[in-house]
Amino acid sequence: MVNKDILPVHSYNEVKEKIGNGRPTVLSFGMSHCYSCLAMSRVFYEIVQEHPELQLYSIDSQKDRIISRDIYRLKEMPAQIFLDEKGEELFRHTGAYKKPVVEVILRKYGFTL
């Protein structure tokens, strides 16, 4: 059964070419069996419904273990990495956020108005 209220999961290989393409990007790392990761995915799903222009991608950190561990140095899930239009990291967070907090972060870093 596919949960339609969460972000679709992408492999990092599908996403990496979009990082630094002139648009800011959010990478949301999580695991399919993690309650907080699923909660975060639901929040991001709602945000993408309101802001379809956002480059916001869910990545399974188990399937892309080397990327999450060695490239982004993540140790806990869920984790969100906010990248600017050049692909430079602006901000990162570990844990789940409520939607209003994510909206403030997106505004603060220029992802939304």
Protein backbone atom coordinates (compact mmCIF):
# COMPACT_ATOMS: atom_id res chain seq x y z
CA MET A 1 0.00 0.00 0.00
CA VAL A 2 1.40 3.38 -1.01
CA ASN A 3 0.91 6.25 1.41
CA LYS A 4 -0.12 9.21 -0.72
CA ASP A 5 0.35 11.76 2.06
CA ILE A 6 4.14 11.49 2.23
CA LEU A 7 6.86 12.66 -0.11
CA PRO A 8 7.93 10.11 -2.70
CA VAL A 9 11.33 8.67 -1.88
CA HIS A 10 14.13 9.35 -4.35
CA SER A 11 17.57 7.87 -4.65
CA TYR A 12 20.38 10.35 -4.20
CA ASN A 13 21.50 9.65 -7.79
CA GLU A 14 18.12 10.97 -9.02
CA VAL A 15 18.51 14.15 -6.98
CA LYS A 16 22.21 15.07 -7.05
CA GLU A 17 22.11 16.70 -10.50
CA LYS A 18 19.39 19.09 -9.24
CA ILE A 19 21.51 20.35 -6.36
CA GLY A 20 23.11 23.67 -7.28
CA ASN A 21 20.96 24.16 -10.39
CA GLY A 22 20.09 27.75 -9.50
CA ARG A 23 17.23 26.81 -7.19
CA PRO A 24 17.42 26.10 -3.46
CA THR A 25 16.98 22.47 -2.44
CA VAL A 26 15.88 20.65 0.69
CA LEU A 27 17.07 17.09 1.26
CA SER A 28 15.02 15.19 3.83
CA PHE A 29 16.83 12.05 4.96
CA GLY A 30 14.87 9.36 6.77
CA MET A 31 14.04 5.68 7.07
CA SER A 32 10.80 3.92 6.18
CA HIS A 33 10.38 2.34 9.63
CA CYS A 34 11.05 5.55 11.59
CA TYR A 35 7.93 7.23 12.99
CA SER A 36 9.55 10.69 13.21
CA CYS A 37 10.84 10.34 9.64
CA LEU A 38 7.33 9.57 8.37
CA ALA A 39 5.92 12.50 10.36
CA MET A 40 8.51 14.80 8.76
CA SER A 41 7.67 13.43 5.32
CA ARG A 42 3.99 14.24 5.90
CA VAL A 43 4.91 17.83 6.85
CA PHE A 44 7.04 18.23 3.72
CA TYR A 45 4.29 16.67 1.59
CA GLU A 46 1.87 19.36 2.81
CA ILE A 47 4.42 22.08 2.10
CA VAL A 48 5.07 20.82 -1.44
CA GLN A 49 1.31 20.83 -2.08
CA GLU A 50 1.29 24.53 -1.18
CA HIS A 51 4.63 25.34 -2.87
CA PRO A 52 5.05 22.95 -5.83
CA GLU A 53 7.99 25.05 -7.07
CA LEU A 54 10.15 23.82 -4.17
CA GLN A 55 12.92 21.31 -4.79
CA LEU A 56 12.23 19.18 -1.75
CA TYR A 57 13.33 15.55 -1.86
CA SER A 58 12.97 12.62 0.48
CA ILE A 59 15.95 10.25 0.53
CA ASP A 60 16.03 6.86 2.22
CA SER A 61 19.16 6.97 4.34
CA GLN A 62 19.33 3.17 4.53
CA LYS A 63 19.41 2.74 0.77
CA ASP A 64 21.76 5.72 0.38
CA ARG A 65 23.76 4.90 3.51
CA ILE A 66 27.13 5.95 2.10
CA ILE A 67 25.76 9.35 1.01
CA SER A 68 24.02 10.08 4.31
CA ARG A 69 26.93 8.85 6.43
CA ASP A 70 30.03 9.82 4.44
CA ILE A 71 28.96 12.83 2.36
CA TYR A 72 26.52 14.56 4.71
CA ARG A 73 27.87 13.04 7.96
CA LEU A 74 24.43 12.25 9.34
CA LYS A 75 24.21 10.18 12.50
CA GLU A 76 20.55 10.48 13.44
CA MET A 77 17.25 10.50 11.57
CA PRO A 78 15.24 12.27 10.41
CA ALA A 79 17.60 14.95 9.15
CA GLN A 80 16.94 17.87 6.84
CA ILE A 81 19.57 19.75 4.88
CA PHE A 82 18.71 23.11 3.34
CA LEU A 83 20.95 24.04 0.38
CA ASP A 84 21.11 27.35 -1.47
CA GLU A 85 20.84 27.77 -5.24
CA LYS A 86 24.55 26.96 -5.61
CA GLY A 87 24.26 23.77 -3.57
CA GLU A 88 25.94 25.23 -0.49
CA GLU A 89 24.54 24.16 2.85
CA LEU A 90 22.57 26.91 4.61
CA PHE A 91 21.13 25.00 7.52
CA ARG A 92 20.61 21.49 8.83
CA HIS A 93 18.42 19.98 11.48
CA THR A 94 18.08 16.56 13.06
CA GLY A 95 14.68 15.48 14.31
CA ALA A 96 11.10 16.26 13.33
CA TYR A 97 9.61 19.71 12.98
CA LYS A 98 6.02 20.87 13.07
CA LYS A 99 4.83 22.52 9.86
CA PRO A 100 4.82 26.13 11.20
CA VAL A 101 8.50 25.81 12.15
CA VAL A 102 9.44 24.50 8.69
CA GLU A 103 7.55 27.38 7.10
CA VAL A 104 9.55 29.90 9.17
CA ILE A 105 12.84 28.25 8.13
CA LEU A 106 11.83 28.24 4.47
CA ARG A 107 11.00 31.95 4.64
CA LYS A 108 14.13 32.82 6.61
CA TYR A 109 16.43 31.21 4.05
CA GLY A 110 14.54 32.51 1.01
CA PHE A 111 12.91 29.27 -0.16
CA THR A 112 9.43 30.86 0.04
CA LEU A 113 8.06 34.35 0.49
